[in-house]
N, C-alpha and C. Protein backbone atom coordinates (compact mmCIF):
# COMPACT_ATOMS: atom_id res chain seq x y z
N MET A 1 -14.93 1.99 -0.53
CA MET A 1 -13.98 1.59 0.48
C MET A 1 -13.57 0.12 0.33
N LEU A 2 -14.50 -0.73 0.06
CA LEU A 2 -14.19 -2.13 -0.13
C LEU A 2 -13.20 -2.37 -1.29
N GLU A 3 -13.38 -1.61 -2.37
CA GLU A 3 -12.46 -1.77 -3.49
C GLU A 3 -11.07 -1.32 -3.06
N LEU A 4 -10.96 -0.23 -2.34
CA LEU A 4 -9.69 0.21 -1.81
C LEU A 4 -9.04 -0.82 -0.92
N LEU A 5 -9.76 -1.51 -0.10
CA LEU A 5 -9.26 -2.59 0.75
C LEU A 5 -8.84 -3.76 -0.14
N ARG A 6 -9.51 -4.02 -1.17
CA ARG A 6 -9.17 -5.21 -2.04
C ARG A 6 -7.78 -4.88 -2.74
N GLN A 7 -7.46 -3.64 -2.93
CA GLN A 7 -6.23 -3.34 -3.66
C GLN A 7 -5.07 -2.96 -2.79
N ARG A 8 -5.28 -2.53 -1.54
CA ARG A 8 -4.27 -2.00 -0.69
C ARG A 8 -3.32 -3.10 -0.29
N ARG A 9 -2.04 -2.75 -0.31
CA ARG A 9 -0.98 -3.61 0.10
C ARG A 9 0.09 -2.78 0.83
N SER A 10 0.88 -3.38 1.61
CA SER A 10 2.02 -2.70 2.27
C SER A 10 3.07 -2.50 1.24
N ILE A 11 3.45 -1.23 1.13
CA ILE A 11 4.45 -0.82 0.18
C ILE A 11 5.69 -0.36 0.92
N ARG A 12 6.85 -0.93 0.59
CA ARG A 12 8.03 -0.61 1.28
C ARG A 12 9.13 0.04 0.34
N LYS A 13 8.83 0.16 -0.94
CA LYS A 13 9.71 0.82 -1.91
C LYS A 13 8.94 2.02 -2.46
N PHE A 14 9.58 3.17 -2.42
CA PHE A 14 8.93 4.41 -2.80
C PHE A 14 9.77 5.12 -3.87
N GLN A 15 9.08 5.89 -4.71
CA GLN A 15 9.73 6.82 -5.61
C GLN A 15 10.38 7.89 -4.83
N SER A 16 11.37 8.59 -5.33
CA SER A 16 12.04 9.66 -4.63
C SER A 16 11.24 10.94 -4.59
N ARG A 17 10.09 10.93 -5.38
CA ARG A 17 9.20 12.06 -5.44
C ARG A 17 8.62 12.43 -4.06
N PRO A 18 8.76 13.70 -3.66
CA PRO A 18 8.18 14.06 -2.30
C PRO A 18 6.68 14.11 -2.34
N VAL A 19 6.09 13.99 -1.20
CA VAL A 19 4.69 14.17 -1.00
C VAL A 19 4.42 15.64 -0.72
N ASP A 20 3.66 16.23 -1.66
CA ASP A 20 3.48 17.69 -1.60
C ASP A 20 2.73 18.13 -0.37
N VAL A 21 2.87 19.40 0.00
CA VAL A 21 2.27 19.93 1.25
C VAL A 21 0.76 19.75 1.29
N GLU A 22 0.12 19.99 0.18
CA GLU A 22 -1.38 19.85 0.13
C GLU A 22 -1.78 18.39 0.49
N THR A 23 -1.11 17.43 -0.12
CA THR A 23 -1.40 16.06 0.16
C THR A 23 -1.09 15.74 1.63
N GLN A 24 0.00 16.23 2.12
CA GLN A 24 0.36 16.03 3.55
C GLN A 24 -0.75 16.60 4.43
N GLN A 25 -1.32 17.72 4.08
CA GLN A 25 -2.39 18.37 4.87
C GLN A 25 -3.61 17.45 4.88
N GLN A 26 -3.91 16.78 3.73
CA GLN A 26 -5.08 15.88 3.69
C GLN A 26 -4.78 14.70 4.60
N LEU A 27 -3.61 14.20 4.62
CA LEU A 27 -3.26 13.06 5.55
C LEU A 27 -3.39 13.49 6.98
N ILE A 28 -2.89 14.73 7.27
CA ILE A 28 -3.01 15.20 8.66
C ILE A 28 -4.48 15.41 9.10
N GLU A 29 -5.28 15.91 8.17
CA GLU A 29 -6.69 16.09 8.52
C GLU A 29 -7.34 14.73 8.78
N ALA A 30 -6.98 13.74 7.99
CA ALA A 30 -7.58 12.41 8.16
C ALA A 30 -7.26 11.83 9.53
N VAL A 31 -5.93 11.96 9.97
CA VAL A 31 -5.64 11.38 11.28
C VAL A 31 -6.29 12.14 12.42
N LEU A 32 -6.40 13.44 12.24
CA LEU A 32 -7.02 14.24 13.27
C LEU A 32 -8.53 13.98 13.36
N ARG A 33 -9.11 13.42 12.29
CA ARG A 33 -10.52 13.05 12.29
C ARG A 33 -10.78 11.58 12.80
N SER A 34 -9.70 10.90 13.10
CA SER A 34 -9.77 9.53 13.55
C SER A 34 -10.64 9.46 14.85
N PRO A 35 -11.37 8.35 14.97
CA PRO A 35 -12.13 8.25 16.20
C PRO A 35 -11.20 7.80 17.33
N SER A 36 -11.56 8.17 18.54
CA SER A 36 -10.87 7.62 19.76
C SER A 36 -11.85 7.41 20.86
N SER A 37 -11.45 6.57 21.78
CA SER A 37 -12.33 6.23 22.81
C SER A 37 -12.77 7.46 23.65
N ARG A 38 -13.99 7.64 23.83
CA ARG A 38 -14.50 8.75 24.61
C ARG A 38 -14.06 10.12 24.15
N GLY A 39 -13.63 10.16 22.89
CA GLY A 39 -13.17 11.45 22.28
C GLY A 39 -12.01 11.98 23.01
N ARG A 40 -11.20 11.18 23.65
CA ARG A 40 -10.04 11.65 24.40
C ARG A 40 -8.87 12.12 23.52
N ASN A 41 -8.78 11.61 22.32
CA ASN A 41 -7.70 11.97 21.39
C ASN A 41 -6.32 12.01 22.05
N PRO A 42 -5.86 10.83 22.55
CA PRO A 42 -4.59 10.86 23.31
C PRO A 42 -3.35 10.94 22.38
N TRP A 43 -3.57 10.87 21.08
CA TRP A 43 -2.41 10.78 20.23
C TRP A 43 -1.75 12.11 19.90
N GLU A 44 -0.50 11.96 19.44
CA GLU A 44 0.30 13.03 18.84
C GLU A 44 0.90 12.49 17.62
N PHE A 45 0.99 13.27 16.54
CA PHE A 45 1.58 12.85 15.29
C PHE A 45 2.80 13.69 14.93
N ILE A 46 3.86 13.06 14.64
CA ILE A 46 5.06 13.77 14.26
C ILE A 46 5.27 13.44 12.80
N VAL A 47 5.16 14.47 11.93
CA VAL A 47 5.31 14.25 10.46
C VAL A 47 6.75 14.56 10.09
N VAL A 48 7.41 13.58 9.49
CA VAL A 48 8.87 13.63 9.23
C VAL A 48 9.03 13.55 7.75
N ASP A 49 9.69 14.66 7.20
CA ASP A 49 10.01 14.64 5.71
C ASP A 49 11.45 14.99 5.46
N ASP A 50 12.20 15.19 6.50
CA ASP A 50 13.65 15.50 6.41
C ASP A 50 14.36 14.21 6.12
N PRO A 51 15.05 14.06 4.96
CA PRO A 51 15.71 12.87 4.54
C PRO A 51 16.71 12.31 5.58
N ALA A 52 17.43 13.21 6.25
CA ALA A 52 18.44 12.79 7.22
C ALA A 52 17.75 12.11 8.45
N LEU A 53 16.62 12.71 8.89
CA LEU A 53 15.84 12.16 9.95
C LEU A 53 15.17 10.83 9.57
N LEU A 54 14.74 10.75 8.32
CA LEU A 54 14.11 9.51 7.90
C LEU A 54 15.12 8.34 7.87
N THR A 55 16.33 8.65 7.53
CA THR A 55 17.37 7.63 7.50
C THR A 55 17.63 7.20 8.97
N LYS A 56 17.72 8.07 9.86
CA LYS A 56 17.89 7.75 11.32
C LYS A 56 16.69 7.00 11.83
N LEU A 57 15.51 7.42 11.45
CA LEU A 57 14.25 6.80 11.85
C LEU A 57 14.22 5.30 11.40
N ALA A 58 14.76 5.09 10.22
CA ALA A 58 14.84 3.70 9.64
C ALA A 58 15.64 2.72 10.53
N ALA A 59 16.47 3.27 11.36
CA ALA A 59 17.27 2.45 12.22
C ALA A 59 16.66 2.28 13.63
N CYS A 60 15.40 2.59 13.75
CA CYS A 60 14.77 2.66 15.07
C CYS A 60 14.65 1.24 15.70
N LYS A 61 14.59 0.23 14.88
CA LYS A 61 14.50 -1.08 15.50
C LYS A 61 15.32 -2.07 14.63
N ARG A 62 15.49 -3.25 15.21
CA ARG A 62 16.39 -4.23 14.51
C ARG A 62 15.87 -4.76 13.18
N HIS A 63 14.54 -4.97 13.12
CA HIS A 63 13.99 -5.54 11.91
C HIS A 63 12.66 -4.80 11.56
N GLY A 64 12.46 -4.60 10.28
CA GLY A 64 11.13 -4.07 9.90
C GLY A 64 10.94 -2.60 9.79
N SER A 65 12.05 -1.85 9.89
CA SER A 65 11.90 -0.41 9.77
C SER A 65 12.82 0.21 8.76
N ALA A 66 13.67 -0.61 8.15
CA ALA A 66 14.67 -0.05 7.17
C ALA A 66 14.04 0.60 5.97
N PHE A 67 12.85 0.25 5.62
CA PHE A 67 12.15 0.81 4.46
C PHE A 67 11.88 2.32 4.66
N LEU A 68 11.88 2.76 5.90
CA LEU A 68 11.68 4.21 6.20
C LEU A 68 12.68 5.11 5.57
N ALA A 69 13.90 4.57 5.36
CA ALA A 69 14.97 5.39 4.72
C ALA A 69 14.63 5.77 3.32
N GLY A 70 13.82 5.00 2.62
CA GLY A 70 13.45 5.26 1.28
C GLY A 70 12.10 5.96 1.12
N ALA A 71 11.43 6.21 2.22
CA ALA A 71 10.14 6.86 2.17
C ALA A 71 10.35 8.38 2.20
N PRO A 72 9.61 9.12 1.42
CA PRO A 72 9.74 10.57 1.42
C PRO A 72 9.04 11.21 2.63
N LEU A 73 8.22 10.41 3.31
CA LEU A 73 7.40 10.90 4.37
C LEU A 73 7.12 9.80 5.39
N ALA A 74 7.11 10.14 6.65
CA ALA A 74 6.79 9.17 7.67
C ALA A 74 5.97 9.96 8.74
N VAL A 75 5.05 9.22 9.34
CA VAL A 75 4.26 9.77 10.48
C VAL A 75 4.47 8.88 11.64
N VAL A 76 5.03 9.48 12.69
CA VAL A 76 5.14 8.81 13.96
C VAL A 76 3.92 8.95 14.78
N VAL A 77 3.30 7.85 15.21
CA VAL A 77 2.03 7.85 15.90
C VAL A 77 2.40 7.54 17.39
N ALA A 78 2.18 8.53 18.28
CA ALA A 78 2.49 8.42 19.66
C ALA A 78 1.29 8.88 20.49
N ALA A 79 1.36 8.58 21.79
CA ALA A 79 0.20 9.03 22.62
C ALA A 79 0.67 9.15 24.03
N ASP A 80 -0.19 9.79 24.79
CA ASP A 80 -0.01 10.00 26.23
C ASP A 80 -0.90 8.98 26.91
N PRO A 81 -0.37 7.91 27.48
CA PRO A 81 -1.22 6.89 28.17
C PRO A 81 -2.03 7.45 29.33
N ARG A 82 -1.67 8.54 29.87
CA ARG A 82 -2.42 9.17 30.97
C ARG A 82 -3.73 9.69 30.51
N LYS A 83 -3.82 10.05 29.21
CA LYS A 83 -5.09 10.54 28.68
C LYS A 83 -6.16 9.47 28.44
N SER A 84 -5.68 8.21 28.20
CA SER A 84 -6.67 7.16 27.88
C SER A 84 -6.00 5.85 28.13
N ASP A 85 -6.80 4.93 28.74
CA ASP A 85 -6.27 3.59 28.96
C ASP A 85 -6.35 2.73 27.74
N VAL A 86 -6.93 3.19 26.67
CA VAL A 86 -6.95 2.46 25.41
C VAL A 86 -6.17 3.30 24.32
N TRP A 87 -5.10 3.87 24.71
CA TRP A 87 -4.30 4.68 23.79
C TRP A 87 -3.75 3.86 22.66
N ILE A 88 -3.41 2.63 22.94
CA ILE A 88 -2.84 1.74 21.90
C ILE A 88 -3.87 1.54 20.82
N GLU A 89 -5.09 1.24 21.16
CA GLU A 89 -6.18 1.02 20.19
C GLU A 89 -6.41 2.30 19.39
N ASP A 90 -6.41 3.43 20.14
CA ASP A 90 -6.70 4.69 19.44
C ASP A 90 -5.65 5.04 18.47
N CYS A 91 -4.31 4.74 18.78
CA CYS A 91 -3.26 4.97 17.87
C CYS A 91 -3.35 4.02 16.69
N ALA A 92 -3.71 2.73 16.88
CA ALA A 92 -3.86 1.82 15.81
C ALA A 92 -4.93 2.28 14.86
N ILE A 93 -6.04 2.75 15.37
CA ILE A 93 -7.11 3.22 14.55
C ILE A 93 -6.64 4.40 13.66
N ALA A 94 -5.97 5.34 14.33
CA ALA A 94 -5.43 6.47 13.57
C ALA A 94 -4.43 6.07 12.48
N ALA A 95 -3.61 5.04 12.78
CA ALA A 95 -2.62 4.66 11.81
C ALA A 95 -3.31 3.99 10.59
N ILE A 96 -4.37 3.20 10.80
CA ILE A 96 -5.00 2.62 9.61
C ILE A 96 -5.81 3.67 8.85
N ILE A 97 -6.38 4.66 9.56
CA ILE A 97 -7.03 5.76 8.86
C ILE A 97 -6.01 6.48 7.99
N LEU A 98 -4.79 6.64 8.50
CA LEU A 98 -3.73 7.31 7.71
C LEU A 98 -3.44 6.51 6.52
N GLN A 99 -3.22 5.19 6.70
CA GLN A 99 -2.90 4.23 5.58
C GLN A 99 -4.01 4.25 4.52
N LEU A 100 -5.24 4.22 4.94
CA LEU A 100 -6.32 4.10 3.94
C LEU A 100 -6.44 5.48 3.20
N THR A 101 -6.30 6.55 3.92
CA THR A 101 -6.34 7.84 3.25
C THR A 101 -5.19 8.00 2.29
N ALA A 102 -3.97 7.54 2.68
CA ALA A 102 -2.88 7.53 1.75
C ALA A 102 -3.18 6.74 0.48
N ALA A 103 -3.74 5.51 0.61
CA ALA A 103 -4.09 4.69 -0.51
C ALA A 103 -5.12 5.39 -1.41
N SER A 104 -6.11 6.10 -0.77
CA SER A 104 -7.10 6.81 -1.59
C SER A 104 -6.53 7.98 -2.36
N LEU A 105 -5.36 8.44 -1.94
CA LEU A 105 -4.69 9.57 -2.63
C LEU A 105 -3.61 9.11 -3.62
N GLY A 106 -3.55 7.76 -3.84
CA GLY A 106 -2.55 7.19 -4.75
C GLY A 106 -1.22 6.97 -4.15
N LEU A 107 -1.12 6.97 -2.81
CA LEU A 107 0.17 6.78 -2.15
C LEU A 107 0.22 5.35 -1.63
N GLY A 108 1.41 4.88 -1.44
CA GLY A 108 1.63 3.61 -0.76
C GLY A 108 2.13 3.88 0.69
N SER A 109 1.96 2.86 1.51
CA SER A 109 2.34 3.03 2.90
C SER A 109 2.70 1.73 3.50
N CYS A 110 3.40 1.75 4.58
CA CYS A 110 3.69 0.56 5.38
C CYS A 110 3.82 0.97 6.83
N TRP A 111 3.31 0.10 7.67
CA TRP A 111 3.27 0.35 9.18
C TRP A 111 4.41 -0.33 9.83
N ALA A 112 5.10 0.30 10.71
CA ALA A 112 6.18 -0.31 11.50
C ALA A 112 5.82 -0.25 12.99
N GLN A 113 5.68 -1.40 13.58
CA GLN A 113 5.37 -1.53 15.02
C GLN A 113 6.60 -1.03 15.78
N ILE A 114 6.34 -0.16 16.77
CA ILE A 114 7.38 0.38 17.63
C ILE A 114 7.27 -0.04 19.06
N ARG A 115 6.07 -0.03 19.61
CA ARG A 115 5.84 -0.36 21.01
C ARG A 115 6.29 -1.79 21.25
N LEU A 116 7.09 -1.94 22.30
CA LEU A 116 7.56 -3.21 22.79
C LEU A 116 8.65 -3.83 21.84
N ARG A 117 9.27 -2.99 21.01
CA ARG A 117 10.34 -3.48 20.14
C ARG A 117 11.64 -2.83 20.54
N ASP A 118 12.78 -3.52 20.33
CA ASP A 118 14.09 -3.08 20.70
C ASP A 118 14.78 -2.35 19.55
N HIS A 119 15.52 -1.30 19.93
CA HIS A 119 16.41 -0.70 18.98
C HIS A 119 17.76 -1.45 18.99
N ASP A 120 18.22 -1.77 20.20
CA ASP A 120 19.43 -2.57 20.37
C ASP A 120 19.30 -3.24 21.74
N ASP A 121 20.41 -3.78 22.23
CA ASP A 121 20.36 -4.54 23.49
C ASP A 121 20.08 -3.65 24.72
N THR A 122 20.25 -2.37 24.61
CA THR A 122 20.12 -1.51 25.77
C THR A 122 18.99 -0.45 25.66
N THR A 123 18.47 -0.26 24.42
CA THR A 123 17.56 0.84 24.17
C THR A 123 16.30 0.35 23.40
N GLY A 124 15.17 0.68 23.87
CA GLY A 124 13.94 0.38 23.14
C GLY A 124 13.72 1.25 21.96
N ALA A 125 13.01 0.76 20.97
CA ALA A 125 12.71 1.55 19.77
C ALA A 125 11.94 2.82 20.14
N ASP A 126 11.10 2.71 21.12
CA ASP A 126 10.31 3.89 21.61
C ASP A 126 11.28 4.93 22.10
N ASP A 127 12.20 4.58 22.98
CA ASP A 127 13.16 5.58 23.50
C ASP A 127 14.06 6.13 22.43
N TYR A 128 14.49 5.31 21.50
CA TYR A 128 15.29 5.78 20.40
C TYR A 128 14.60 6.91 19.63
N ILE A 129 13.31 6.71 19.31
CA ILE A 129 12.55 7.68 18.54
C ILE A 129 12.28 8.87 19.43
N ARG A 130 12.01 8.70 20.70
CA ARG A 130 11.75 9.82 21.67
C ARG A 130 12.96 10.73 21.62
N GLN A 131 14.17 10.14 21.75
CA GLN A 131 15.37 10.94 21.75
C GLN A 131 15.62 11.60 20.40
N LEU A 132 15.44 10.87 19.34
CA LEU A 132 15.72 11.33 17.99
C LEU A 132 14.84 12.60 17.68
N LEU A 133 13.62 12.49 18.02
CA LEU A 133 12.59 13.53 17.57
C LEU A 133 12.27 14.49 18.72
N GLY A 134 12.89 14.34 19.90
CA GLY A 134 12.60 15.25 20.96
C GLY A 134 11.23 15.16 21.60
N LEU A 135 10.70 13.94 21.64
CA LEU A 135 9.39 13.78 22.27
C LEU A 135 9.51 13.94 23.78
N PRO A 136 8.52 14.56 24.41
CA PRO A 136 8.56 14.72 25.81
C PRO A 136 8.36 13.38 26.59
N GLU A 137 8.91 13.32 27.76
CA GLU A 137 8.68 12.11 28.62
C GLU A 137 7.19 11.96 28.78
N GLY A 138 6.76 10.74 28.90
CA GLY A 138 5.37 10.44 29.05
C GLY A 138 4.68 9.99 27.74
N LEU A 139 5.17 10.49 26.65
CA LEU A 139 4.57 10.08 25.34
C LEU A 139 5.15 8.66 25.01
N GLN A 140 4.30 7.81 24.50
CA GLN A 140 4.74 6.44 24.05
C GLN A 140 4.55 6.40 22.59
N VAL A 141 5.53 5.85 21.87
CA VAL A 141 5.47 5.74 20.41
C VAL A 141 4.83 4.36 20.11
N GLU A 142 3.73 4.31 19.41
CA GLU A 142 3.05 3.15 19.05
C GLU A 142 3.57 2.53 17.73
N SER A 143 3.68 3.46 16.72
CA SER A 143 4.05 2.96 15.36
C SER A 143 4.62 4.16 14.56
N VAL A 144 5.17 3.75 13.43
CA VAL A 144 5.64 4.74 12.46
C VAL A 144 5.04 4.25 11.07
N VAL A 145 4.44 5.16 10.34
CA VAL A 145 3.86 4.82 9.00
C VAL A 145 4.75 5.53 7.97
N GLY A 146 5.40 4.73 7.08
CA GLY A 146 6.13 5.27 6.00
C GLY A 146 5.16 5.48 4.83
N ILE A 147 5.25 6.62 4.11
CA ILE A 147 4.34 6.98 3.08
C ILE A 147 5.10 7.53 1.85
N GLY A 148 4.62 7.25 0.67
CA GLY A 148 5.16 7.82 -0.52
C GLY A 148 4.54 7.25 -1.76
N TYR A 149 4.94 7.71 -2.91
CA TYR A 149 4.48 7.15 -4.18
C TYR A 149 5.12 5.87 -4.40
N PRO A 150 4.36 4.77 -4.67
CA PRO A 150 4.92 3.45 -4.72
C PRO A 150 5.93 3.32 -5.89
N ALA A 151 7.04 2.62 -5.61
CA ALA A 151 8.03 2.24 -6.64
C ALA A 151 7.93 0.72 -6.83
N GLU A 152 6.87 0.15 -6.41
CA GLU A 152 6.62 -1.31 -6.67
C GLU A 152 5.13 -1.51 -6.83
N GLU A 153 4.78 -2.49 -7.52
CA GLU A 153 3.38 -2.84 -7.73
C GLU A 153 3.07 -4.20 -7.17
N LYS A 154 2.06 -4.29 -6.33
CA LYS A 154 1.67 -5.55 -5.78
C LYS A 154 0.16 -5.70 -6.01
N PRO A 155 -0.25 -6.85 -6.43
CA PRO A 155 -1.70 -7.07 -6.62
C PRO A 155 -2.34 -7.22 -5.25
N GLY A 156 -3.68 -6.93 -5.14
CA GLY A 156 -4.34 -7.13 -3.96
C GLY A 156 -4.38 -8.60 -3.56
N HIS A 157 -4.69 -8.90 -2.36
CA HIS A 157 -4.82 -10.31 -1.96
C HIS A 157 -6.05 -10.91 -2.56
N PRO A 158 -6.00 -12.06 -3.15
CA PRO A 158 -7.22 -12.68 -3.76
C PRO A 158 -8.17 -13.04 -2.64
N ALA A 159 -9.53 -12.99 -3.01
CA ALA A 159 -10.59 -13.32 -2.03
C ALA A 159 -10.36 -14.74 -1.54
N ALA A 160 -9.83 -15.61 -2.41
CA ALA A 160 -9.65 -17.04 -2.00
C ALA A 160 -8.67 -17.19 -0.82
N ASN A 161 -7.81 -16.13 -0.59
CA ASN A 161 -6.77 -16.25 0.44
C ASN A 161 -7.36 -15.70 1.81
N LEU A 162 -8.54 -15.17 1.74
CA LEU A 162 -9.11 -14.60 3.03
C LEU A 162 -9.43 -15.80 3.93
N LEU A 163 -9.19 -15.51 5.21
CA LEU A 163 -9.40 -16.60 6.22
C LEU A 163 -10.81 -16.59 6.71
N SER A 164 -11.70 -17.05 5.82
CA SER A 164 -13.15 -17.08 6.09
C SER A 164 -13.52 -17.93 7.25
N GLY A 165 -12.67 -18.95 7.54
CA GLY A 165 -12.96 -19.85 8.70
C GLY A 165 -12.82 -19.13 10.02
N GLN A 166 -12.34 -17.91 10.02
CA GLN A 166 -12.19 -17.16 11.32
C GLN A 166 -13.36 -16.21 11.53
N VAL A 167 -14.41 -16.44 10.75
CA VAL A 167 -15.67 -15.73 10.92
C VAL A 167 -16.74 -16.62 11.42
N HIS A 168 -17.38 -16.22 12.49
CA HIS A 168 -18.37 -17.08 13.12
C HIS A 168 -19.68 -16.29 13.20
N ARG A 169 -20.77 -16.99 13.15
CA ARG A 169 -22.07 -16.32 13.28
C ARG A 169 -22.76 -16.75 14.52
N ASN A 170 -23.06 -15.75 15.33
CA ASN A 170 -23.80 -15.83 16.58
C ASN A 170 -23.11 -16.62 17.66
N ARG A 171 -22.37 -17.67 17.33
CA ARG A 171 -21.59 -18.47 18.29
C ARG A 171 -20.33 -18.96 17.63
N PHE A 172 -19.31 -19.04 18.42
CA PHE A 172 -18.04 -19.50 17.88
C PHE A 172 -18.19 -20.93 17.32
N GLY A 173 -17.68 -21.13 16.10
CA GLY A 173 -17.66 -22.45 15.44
C GLY A 173 -18.84 -22.69 14.58
N THR A 174 -19.67 -21.65 14.35
CA THR A 174 -20.88 -21.85 13.57
C THR A 174 -20.77 -21.40 12.09
N GLY A 175 -19.61 -20.93 11.69
CA GLY A 175 -19.42 -20.52 10.28
C GLY A 175 -20.13 -19.17 9.98
N ARG A 176 -19.75 -18.69 8.81
CA ARG A 176 -20.35 -17.38 8.45
C ARG A 176 -21.47 -17.54 7.56
């Protein structure tokens, strides 16, 4: 796992090669195995592989989602806040489980924040996606993860760039 973390990077350029159904099933199993607070599992996952929908999904917010148009697969991570007061954390955990599983399968991925982002001056990104994908009222979209075979190579972040000063032992300010 540590080696996977050392190499993982956000990938925003993908090959046109589709992600096969078996690999998609592995990704789905991984997110469904994600931990959640008190086992409430408030999340819902919408797997999108329709190129026309991916293009529309890429326009969900003003900045930071255009890469979805080139992804052969995206997973919308949403939840019902009535099921858990920590739905945001549960969704974030599921999204990173999804990304790490994708990396373990040779896929690249990138996370797009949706919650509290605008689509335009009158519509939130969450509402845009809800309308686009037919999500029921009450579900909140936390993020979208674009997934595919990388069309770019990025080296992992060097250990020297890690923010070791942000680690404290026993008390704040005591170093690691």
